Amino acid sequence: MMRKLFAEFFGTFWLVFGGCGAAVLAAGYPELGIGFVGVSFAFGLTVLTMAYAVGGISGGHFNPAVSLGLAVAKRFSWSELVPYWAAQVVGAFAAAGTLFVIASGADGFAPGGFASNGFGELSPGGYSMQAALLIEIVLTAGFLIVILGSTSSKVPGGFAPIAIGLALTLIHLISIPVTNTSVNPARSTGVAFYAETAAVGQLWLFWVAPLIGGAIGALIWSFLLAPDESLEGIGGEGE
């Protein structure tokens, strides 16, 4: 069990450090900034690389909403849900803290939003709470369907991390202007406490919406799309 939890800790660390690091350090770099497209690919690449690296150990969730969705779809044990959530959140906090120390090394650094998620005044495009809630639910549901479908025993093995990574890239391309893209409560929690904004006060939405979306996606897959399958995660059940 400890190997699984450390794999989830490190995978979530990599996701937050890579994705949010791209947003904080590289997105706005003068003349050479990677922008929304670069940040979107950074998040997708973190999941793709870690799914291959440690997916065979823990299933490669790196996201409380994914763990919940897999449990709802009977691909993951409910008894392991809370320990996985704890490992994911701690990994996100560790990544955000490391990123903050690095970013603070630049003269004149100010955290600002620090890649946090938000709605209303904290939305990059000024989108409402209702818009943020809906897009986070819809995109997380879609993400779970991609995860469950690409890891199905009925599709060719070994390619699931590519589909999942590209799905997360697509999700960010769609929703960065709306919420700065969460679909991951751990990712949102880790950076919110370092932001100079009121991101912590809006954090509830980025737990509620992804968890609802993850459960909905799992139910859609289970009742409308899925063949019968055994218990397994993104990378297969580890030892």
C-alpha atoms as a PDB file:
ATOM      1  CA  MET A   1       0.000   0.000   0.000  1.00  0.00           C
ATOM      2  CA  MET A   2       2.813   2.439   0.807  1.00  0.00           C
ATOM      3  CA  ARG A   3       4.228   2.029  -2.708  1.00  0.00           C
ATOM      4  CA  LYS A   4       0.847   2.924  -4.164  1.00  0.00           C
ATOM      5  CA  LEU A   5       0.486   5.984  -1.953  1.00  0.00           C
ATOM      6  CA  PHE A   6       3.979   7.230  -2.724  1.00  0.00           C
ATOM      7  CA  ALA A   7       3.312   6.723  -6.429  1.00  0.00           C
ATOM      8  CA  GLU A   8       0.160   8.851  -6.091  1.00  0.00           C
ATOM      9  CA  PHE A   9       2.063  11.452  -4.063  1.00  0.00           C
ATOM     10  CA  PHE A  10       4.834  11.738  -6.620  1.00  0.00           C
ATOM     11  CA  GLY A  11       2.519  11.583  -9.638  1.00  0.00           C
ATOM     12  CA  THR A  12       0.384  14.415  -8.239  1.00  0.00           C
ATOM     13  CA  PHE A  13       3.534  16.345  -7.318  1.00  0.00           C
ATOM     14  CA  TRP A  14       4.696  16.027 -10.938  1.00  0.00           C
ATOM     15  CA  LEU A  15       1.309  17.113 -12.298  1.00  0.00           C
ATOM     16  CA  VAL A  16       1.096  20.238 -10.135  1.00  0.00           C
ATOM     17  CA  PHE A  17       4.763  21.141 -10.404  1.00  0.00           C
ATOM     18  CA  GLY A  18       4.798  20.645 -14.171  1.00  0.00           C
ATOM     19  CA  GLY A  19       1.427  22.108 -15.071  1.00  0.00           C
ATOM     20  CA  CYS A  20       1.260  24.967 -12.582  1.00  0.00           C
ATOM     21  CA  GLY A  21       4.998  25.519 -12.961  1.00  0.00           C
ATOM     22  CA  ALA A  22       4.503  26.086 -16.668  1.00  0.00           C
ATOM     23  CA  ALA A  23       1.767  28.613 -15.859  1.00  0.00           C
ATOM     24  CA  VAL A  24       3.751  30.453 -13.172  1.00  0.00           C
ATOM     25  CA  LEU A  25       7.237  30.374 -14.690  1.00  0.00           C
ATOM     26  CA  ALA A  26       6.838  30.098 -18.460  1.00  0.00           C
ATOM     27  CA  ALA A  27       3.406  31.245 -19.624  1.00  0.00           C
ATOM     28  CA  GLY A  28       4.049  34.965 -19.378  1.00  0.00           C
ATOM     29  CA  TYR A  29       7.771  35.039 -20.102  1.00  0.00           C
ATOM     30  CA  PRO A  30       8.460  38.201 -22.180  1.00  0.00           C
ATOM     31  CA  GLU A  31       8.218  37.530 -25.937  1.00  0.00           C
ATOM     32  CA  LEU A  32       8.778  33.784 -25.492  1.00  0.00           C
ATOM     33  CA  GLY A  33       5.908  32.876 -23.145  1.00  0.00           C
ATOM     34  CA  ILE A  34       4.184  29.566 -23.864  1.00  0.00           C
ATOM     35  CA  GLY A  35       0.662  30.938 -23.266  1.00  0.00           C
ATOM     36  CA  PHE A  36      -2.524  28.892 -22.884  1.00  0.00           C
ATOM     37  CA  VAL A  37      -1.475  26.291 -25.432  1.00  0.00           C
ATOM     38  CA  GLY A  38       1.837  25.625 -23.728  1.00  0.00           C
ATOM     39  CA  VAL A  39       0.256  25.328 -20.294  1.00  0.00           C
ATOM     40  CA  SER A  40      -2.387  22.975 -21.683  1.00  0.00           C
ATOM     41  CA  PHE A  41       0.257  20.682 -23.116  1.00  0.00           C
ATOM     42  CA  ALA A  42       2.276  20.865 -19.893  1.00  0.00           C
ATOM     43  CA  PHE A  43      -0.646  19.474 -17.891  1.00  0.00           C
ATOM     44  CA  GLY A  44      -1.300  16.783 -20.481  1.00  0.00           C
ATOM     45  CA  LEU A  45       2.354  15.748 -20.571  1.00  0.00           C
ATOM     46  CA  THR A  46       2.580  15.444 -16.795  1.00  0.00           C
ATOM     47  CA  VAL A  47      -0.264  12.922 -16.732  1.00  0.00           C
ATOM     48  CA  LEU A  48       1.018  11.058 -19.787  1.00  0.00           C
ATOM     49  CA  THR A  49       4.549  10.673 -18.398  1.00  0.00           C
ATOM     50  CA  MET A  50       3.519   9.709 -14.874  1.00  0.00           C
ATOM     51  CA  ALA A  51       0.855   7.282 -16.083  1.00  0.00           C
ATOM     52  CA  TYR A  52       3.633   5.400 -17.864  1.00  0.00           C
ATOM     53  CA  ALA A  53       6.099   5.840 -14.995  1.00  0.00           C
ATOM     54  CA  VAL A  54       3.995   4.793 -11.997  1.00  0.00           C
ATOM     55  CA  GLY A  55       0.617   3.758 -13.415  1.00  0.00           C
ATOM     56  CA  GLY A  56       1.543   0.129 -12.960  1.00  0.00           C
ATOM     57  CA  ILE A  57       2.042   0.736  -9.240  1.00  0.00           C
ATOM     58  CA  SER A  58      -0.952   2.819  -8.161  1.00  0.00           C
ATOM     59  CA  GLY A  59      -3.193   2.951 -11.215  1.00  0.00           C
ATOM     60  CA  GLY A  60      -2.003   6.505 -11.973  1.00  0.00           C
ATOM     61  CA  HIS A  61      -4.917   8.565 -10.661  1.00  0.00           C
ATOM     62  CA  PHE A  62      -3.194  11.777  -9.397  1.00  0.00           C
ATOM     63  CA  ASN A  63      -6.624  13.316  -8.894  1.00  0.00           C
ATOM     64  CA  PRO A  64      -9.326  12.778  -6.225  1.00  0.00           C
ATOM     65  CA  ALA A  65     -12.071  13.037  -8.854  1.00  0.00           C
ATOM     66  CA  VAL A  66     -10.443  10.271 -10.901  1.00  0.00           C
ATOM     67  CA  SER A  67     -10.137   8.038  -7.836  1.00  0.00           C
ATOM     68  CA  LEU A  68     -13.806   8.602  -6.992  1.00  0.00           C
ATOM     69  CA  GLY A  69     -14.902   7.959 -10.562  1.00  0.00           C
ATOM     70  CA  LEU A  70     -12.923   4.733 -10.755  1.00  0.00           C
ATOM     71  CA  ALA A  71     -14.471   3.603  -7.463  1.00  0.00           C
ATOM     72  CA  VAL A  72     -17.981   4.374  -8.750  1.00  0.00           C
ATOM     73  CA  ALA A  73     -17.176   2.390 -11.898  1.00  0.00           C
ATOM     74  CA  LYS A  74     -15.952  -0.532  -9.754  1.00  0.00           C
ATOM     75  CA  ARG A  75     -12.414  -0.185 -11.082  1.00  0.00           C
ATOM     76  CA  PHE A  76     -10.954   0.862  -7.710  1.00  0.00           C
ATOM     77  CA  SER A  77     -11.469  -0.189  -4.102  1.00  0.00           C
ATOM     78  CA  TRP A  78     -13.549   2.161  -1.948  1.00  0.00           C
ATOM     79  CA  SER A  79     -11.375   1.268   1.050  1.00  0.00           C
ATOM     80  CA  GLU A  80      -8.378   2.921  -0.618  1.00  0.00           C
ATOM     81  CA  LEU A  81     -10.185   6.125  -1.609  1.00  0.00           C
ATOM     82  CA  VAL A  82      -9.379   8.309   1.416  1.00  0.00           C
ATOM     83  CA  PRO A  83      -5.681   7.271   1.590  1.00  0.00           C
ATOM     84  CA  TYR A  84      -5.346   8.049  -2.131  1.00  0.00           C
ATOM     85  CA  TRP A  85      -6.978  11.459  -1.628  1.00  0.00           C
ATOM     86  CA  ALA A  86      -4.594  12.223   1.222  1.00  0.00           C
ATOM     87  CA  ALA A  87      -1.531  11.251  -0.832  1.00  0.00           C
ATOM     88  CA  GLN A  88      -2.741  13.334  -3.771  1.00  0.00           C
ATOM     89  CA  VAL A  89      -3.395  16.459  -1.691  1.00  0.00           C
ATOM     90  CA  VAL A  90      -0.062  16.193   0.134  1.00  0.00           C
ATOM     91  CA  GLY A  91       1.700  15.763  -3.212  1.00  0.00           C
ATOM     92  CA  ALA A  92      -0.044  18.870  -4.545  1.00  0.00           C
ATOM     93  CA  PHE A  93       0.945  20.916  -1.495  1.00  0.00           C
ATOM     94  CA  ALA A  94       4.554  19.747  -1.773  1.00  0.00           C
ATOM     95  CA  ALA A  95       4.669  20.716  -5.441  1.00  0.00           C
ATOM     96  CA  ALA A  96       3.107  24.132  -4.833  1.00  0.00           C
ATOM     97  CA  GLY A  97       5.546  24.832  -2.005  1.00  0.00           C
ATOM     98  CA  THR A  98       8.523  23.825  -4.120  1.00  0.00           C
ATOM     99  CA  LEU A  99       7.282  25.958  -7.004  1.00  0.00           C
ATOM    100  CA  PHE A 100       6.774  28.926  -4.696  1.00  0.00           C
ATOM    101  CA  VAL A 101      10.349  28.718  -3.409  1.00  0.00           C
ATOM    102  CA  ILE A 102      11.708  28.554  -6.967  1.00  0.00           C
ATOM    103  CA  ALA A 103       9.514  31.397  -8.237  1.00  0.00           C
ATOM    104  CA  SER A 104      10.518  33.537  -5.256  1.00  0.00           C
ATOM    105  CA  GLY A 105      14.091  33.411  -6.511  1.00  0.00           C
ATOM    106  CA  ALA A 106      13.304  36.057  -9.149  1.00  0.00           C
ATOM    107  CA  ASP A 107      13.604  39.729  -8.217  1.00  0.00           C
ATOM    108  CA  GLY A 108      10.235  41.376  -7.835  1.00  0.00           C
ATOM    109  CA  PHE A 109       8.280  38.129  -7.767  1.00  0.00           C
ATOM    110  CA  ALA A 110       4.676  38.451  -6.606  1.00  0.00           C
ATOM    111  CA  PRO A 111       2.493  35.319  -6.355  1.00  0.00           C
ATOM    112  CA  GLY A 112      -0.643  36.936  -7.726  1.00  0.00           C
ATOM    113  CA  GLY A 113      -3.072  34.179  -8.653  1.00  0.00           C
ATOM    114  CA  PHE A 114      -0.273  31.576  -8.596  1.00  0.00           C
ATOM    115  CA  ALA A 115      -2.065  29.363 -11.153  1.00  0.00           C
ATOM    116  CA  SER A 116      -5.050  29.015  -8.825  1.00  0.00           C
ATOM    117  CA  ASN A 117      -8.613  28.396  -9.980  1.00  0.00           C
ATOM    118  CA  GLY A 118     -11.532  30.747  -9.604  1.00  0.00           C
ATOM    119  CA  PHE A 119     -14.766  32.245 -10.877  1.00  0.00           C
ATOM    120  CA  GLY A 120     -16.151  35.775 -11.051  1.00  0.00           C
ATOM    121  CA  GLU A 121     -13.305  38.195 -10.404  1.00  0.00           C
ATOM    122  CA  LEU A 122     -10.873  35.287 -10.167  1.00  0.00           C
ATOM    123  CA  SER A 123     -11.851  33.803 -13.539  1.00  0.00           C
ATOM    124  CA  PRO A 124      -9.382  34.725 -16.306  1.00  0.00           C
ATOM    125  CA  GLY A 125     -12.343  35.635 -18.514  1.00  0.00           C
ATOM    126  CA  GLY A 126     -14.669  36.874 -15.769  1.00  0.00           C
ATOM    127  CA  TYR A 127     -17.020  33.879 -15.978  1.00  0.00           C
ATOM    128  CA  SER A 128     -19.753  33.375 -13.384  1.00  0.00           C
ATOM    129  CA  MET A 129     -19.939  30.770 -10.628  1.00  0.00           C
ATOM    130  CA  GLN A 130     -22.648  28.921 -12.575  1.00  0.00           C
ATOM    131  CA  ALA A 131     -20.483  28.785 -15.704  1.00  0.00           C
ATOM    132  CA  ALA A 132     -17.500  27.569 -13.686  1.00  0.00           C
ATOM    133  CA  LEU A 133     -19.562  24.891 -11.947  1.00  0.00           C
ATOM    134  CA  LEU A 134     -21.018  23.580 -15.184  1.00  0.00           C
ATOM    135  CA  ILE A 135     -17.799  23.475 -17.189  1.00  0.00           C
ATOM    136  CA  GLU A 136     -15.911  21.725 -14.390  1.00  0.00           C
ATOM    137  CA  ILE A 137     -18.636  19.083 -14.067  1.00  0.00           C
ATOM    138  CA  VAL A 138     -18.898  18.495 -17.821  1.00  0.00           C
ATOM    139  CA  LEU A 139     -15.160  18.319 -18.465  1.00  0.00           C
ATOM    140  CA  THR A 140     -14.440  16.075 -15.486  1.00  0.00           C
ATOM    141  CA  ALA A 141     -17.219  13.729 -16.596  1.00  0.00           C
ATOM    142  CA  GLY A 142     -15.730  13.631 -20.069  1.00  0.00           C
ATOM    143  CA  PHE A 143     -12.271  13.016 -18.617  1.00  0.00           C
ATOM    144  CA  LEU A 144     -13.528   9.977 -16.702  1.00  0.00           C
ATOM    145  CA  ILE A 145     -15.182   8.568 -19.796  1.00  0.00           C
ATOM    146  CA  VAL A 146     -11.888   8.883 -21.680  1.00  0.00           C
ATOM    147  CA  ILE A 147     -10.012   7.248 -18.801  1.00  0.00           C
ATOM    148  CA  LEU A 148     -12.460   4.373 -18.453  1.00  0.00           C
ATOM    149  CA  GLY A 149     -12.766   3.853 -22.190  1.00  0.00           C
ATOM    150  CA  SER A 150      -9.051   3.963 -22.960  1.00  0.00           C
ATOM    151  CA  THR A 151      -8.258   1.515 -20.148  1.00  0.00           C
ATOM    152  CA  SER A 152     -11.009  -0.898 -21.157  1.00  0.00           C
ATOM    153  CA  SER A 153      -9.968  -4.467 -21.879  1.00  0.00           C
ATOM    154  CA  LYS A 154     -11.670  -4.069 -25.253  1.00  0.00           C
ATOM    155  CA  VAL A 155      -9.128  -1.569 -26.622  1.00  0.00           C
ATOM    156  CA  PRO A 156      -5.438  -2.106 -27.514  1.00  0.00           C
ATOM    157  CA  GLY A 157      -3.220  -2.032 -24.445  1.00  0.00           C
ATOM    158  CA  GLY A 158      -0.421   0.404 -23.775  1.00  0.00           C
ATOM    159  CA  PHE A 159      -1.924   3.506 -25.371  1.00  0.00           C
ATOM    160  CA  ALA A 160      -4.203   4.703 -22.563  1.00  0.00           C
ATOM    161  CA  PRO A 161      -1.768   7.289 -21.124  1.00  0.00           C
ATOM    162  CA  ILE A 162      -1.547   8.973 -24.526  1.00  0.00           C
ATOM    163  CA  ALA A 163      -5.333   9.309 -24.813  1.00  0.00           C
ATOM    164  CA  ILE A 164      -5.612  10.488 -21.218  1.00  0.00           C
ATOM    165  CA  GLY A 165      -2.813  13.022 -21.557  1.00  0.00           C
ATOM    166  CA  LEU A 166      -4.295  14.434 -24.755  1.00  0.00           C
ATOM    167  CA  ALA A 167      -7.728  14.582 -23.132  1.00  0.00           C
ATOM    168  CA  LEU A 168      -6.326  16.667 -20.284  1.00  0.00           C
ATOM    169  CA  THR A 169      -4.616  18.915 -22.828  1.00  0.00           C
ATOM    170  CA  LEU A 170      -7.932  19.406 -24.635  1.00  0.00           C
ATOM    171  CA  ILE A 171      -9.708  20.121 -21.360  1.00  0.00           C
ATOM    172  CA  HIS A 172      -7.238  22.905 -20.585  1.00  0.00           C
ATOM    173  CA  LEU A 173      -7.502  24.363 -24.080  1.00  0.00           C
ATOM    174  CA  ILE A 174     -11.249  24.670 -23.531  1.00  0.00           C
ATOM    175  CA  SER A 175     -11.477  25.907 -19.969  1.00  0.00           C
ATOM    176  CA  ILE A 176      -8.407  27.939 -18.979  1.00  0.00           C
ATOM    177  CA  PRO A 177     -10.308  31.169 -19.809  1.00  0.00           C
ATOM    178  CA  VAL A 178     -13.239  30.082 -17.628  1.00  0.00           C
ATOM    179  CA  THR A 179     -11.700  28.748 -14.401  1.00  0.00           C
ATOM    180  CA  ASN A 180      -7.983  28.408 -15.166  1.00  0.00           C
ATOM    181  CA  THR A 181      -8.949  24.707 -15.356  1.00  0.00           C
ATOM    182  CA  SER A 182      -9.155  22.449 -12.355  1.00  0.00           C
ATOM    183  CA  VAL A 183     -10.925  19.102 -12.974  1.00  0.00           C
ATOM    184  CA  ASN A 184      -8.663  18.080 -10.070  1.00  0.00           C
ATOM    185  CA  PRO A 185      -9.368  19.078  -6.448  1.00  0.00           C
ATOM    186  CA  ALA A 186      -5.809  18.312  -5.317  1.00  0.00           C
ATOM    187  CA  ARG A 187      -4.310  20.567  -7.995  1.00  0.00           C
ATOM    188  CA  SER A 188      -6.645  23.396  -6.967  1.00  0.00           C
ATOM    189  CA  THR A 189      -5.956  22.967  -3.249  1.00  0.00           C
ATOM    190  CA  GLY A 190      -2.173  22.894  -3.495  1.00  0.00           C
ATOM    191  CA  VAL A 191      -1.759  26.277  -5.167  1.00  0.00           C
ATOM    192  CA  ALA A 192      -4.724  28.138  -3.652  1.00  0.00           C
ATOM    193  CA  PHE A 193      -2.969  28.714  -0.344  1.00  0.00           C
ATOM    194  CA  TYR A 194      -0.031  30.437  -2.044  1.00  0.00           C
ATOM    195  CA  ALA A 195      -2.146  32.830  -4.109  1.00  0.00           C
ATOM    196  CA  GLU A 196      -2.566  36.468  -3.106  1.00  0.00           C
ATOM    197  CA  THR A 197      -6.204  36.325  -4.189  1.00  0.00           C
ATOM    198  CA  ALA A 198      -9.331  34.955  -2.514  1.00  0.00           C
ATOM    199  CA  ALA A 199      -8.783  31.569  -4.168  1.00  0.00           C
ATOM    200  CA  VAL A 200      -9.124  29.663  -0.879  1.00  0.00           C
ATOM    201  CA  GLY A 201     -12.636  31.034  -0.423  1.00  0.00           C
ATOM    202  CA  GLN A 202     -13.666  29.645  -3.820  1.00  0.00           C
ATOM    203  CA  LEU A 203     -11.939  26.298  -3.358  1.00  0.00           C
ATOM    204  CA  TRP A 204     -15.194  24.552  -2.453  1.00  0.00           C
ATOM    205  CA  LEU A 205     -16.352  24.700  -6.087  1.00  0.00           C
ATOM    206  CA  PHE A 206     -13.192  22.977  -7.283  1.00  0.00           C
ATOM    207  CA  TRP A 207     -13.885  20.066  -4.973  1.00  0.00           C
ATOM    208  CA  VAL A 208     -17.629  19.836  -5.489  1.00  0.00           C
ATOM    209  CA  ALA A 209     -17.734  20.166  -9.295  1.00  0.00           C
ATOM    210  CA  PRO A 210     -14.922  17.730 -10.209  1.00  0.00           C
ATOM    211  CA  LEU A 211     -16.184  15.110  -7.741  1.00  0.00           C
ATOM    212  CA  ILE A 212     -19.716  15.368  -9.128  1.00  0.00           C
ATOM    213  CA  GLY A 213     -18.367  15.272 -12.669  1.00  0.00           C
ATOM    214  CA  GLY A 214     -16.162  12.283 -11.947  1.00  0.00           C
ATOM    215  CA  ALA A 215     -19.084  10.343 -10.513  1.00  0.00           C
ATOM    216  CA  ILE A 216     -21.355  11.295 -13.433  1.00  0.00           C
ATOM    217  CA  GLY A 217     -18.742  10.255 -15.980  1.00  0.00           C
ATOM    218  CA  ALA A 218     -18.296   6.922 -14.244  1.00  0.00           C
ATOM    219  CA  LEU A 219     -22.049   6.300 -14.177  1.00  0.00           C
ATOM    220  CA  ILE A 220     -22.403   7.179 -17.871  1.00  0.00           C
ATOM    221  CA  TRP A 221     -19.611   4.767 -18.715  1.00  0.00           C
ATOM    222  CA  SER A 222     -20.874   2.006 -16.441  1.00  0.00           C
ATOM    223  CA  PHE A 223     -24.524   2.048 -17.529  1.00  0.00           C
ATOM    224  CA  LEU A 224     -24.339   3.173 -21.149  1.00  0.00           C
ATOM    225  CA  LEU A 225     -20.958   2.217 -22.566  1.00  0.00           C
ATOM    226  CA  ALA A 226     -18.958  -0.322 -20.598  1.00  0.00           C
ATOM    227  CA  PRO A 227     -18.400  -4.050 -21.009  1.00  0.00           C
ATOM    228  CA  ASP A 228     -17.884  -6.048 -17.832  1.00  0.00           C
ATOM    229  CA  GLU A 229     -14.345  -5.551 -16.574  1.00  0.00           C
ATOM    230  CA  SER A 230     -12.237  -6.438 -13.578  1.00  0.00           C
ATOM    231  CA  LEU A 231     -10.911  -4.027 -10.969  1.00  0.00           C
ATOM    232  CA  GLU A 232      -8.106  -1.929 -12.447  1.00  0.00           C
ATOM    233  CA  GLY A 233      -6.754   1.611 -12.600  1.00  0.00           C
ATOM    234  CA  ILE A 234      -5.306   3.742 -15.353  1.00  0.00           C
ATOM    235  CA  GLY A 235      -2.145   1.720 -15.514  1.00  0.00           C
ATOM    236  CA  GLY A 236      -3.524  -1.536 -14.182  1.00  0.00           C
ATOM    237  CA  GLU A 237      -3.712  -2.628 -10.553  1.00  0.00           C
ATOM    238  CA  GLY A 238      -0.327  -2.639  -8.836  1.00  0.00           C
ATOM    239  CA  GLU A 239       1.076  -5.023  -6.329  1.00  0.00           C
END
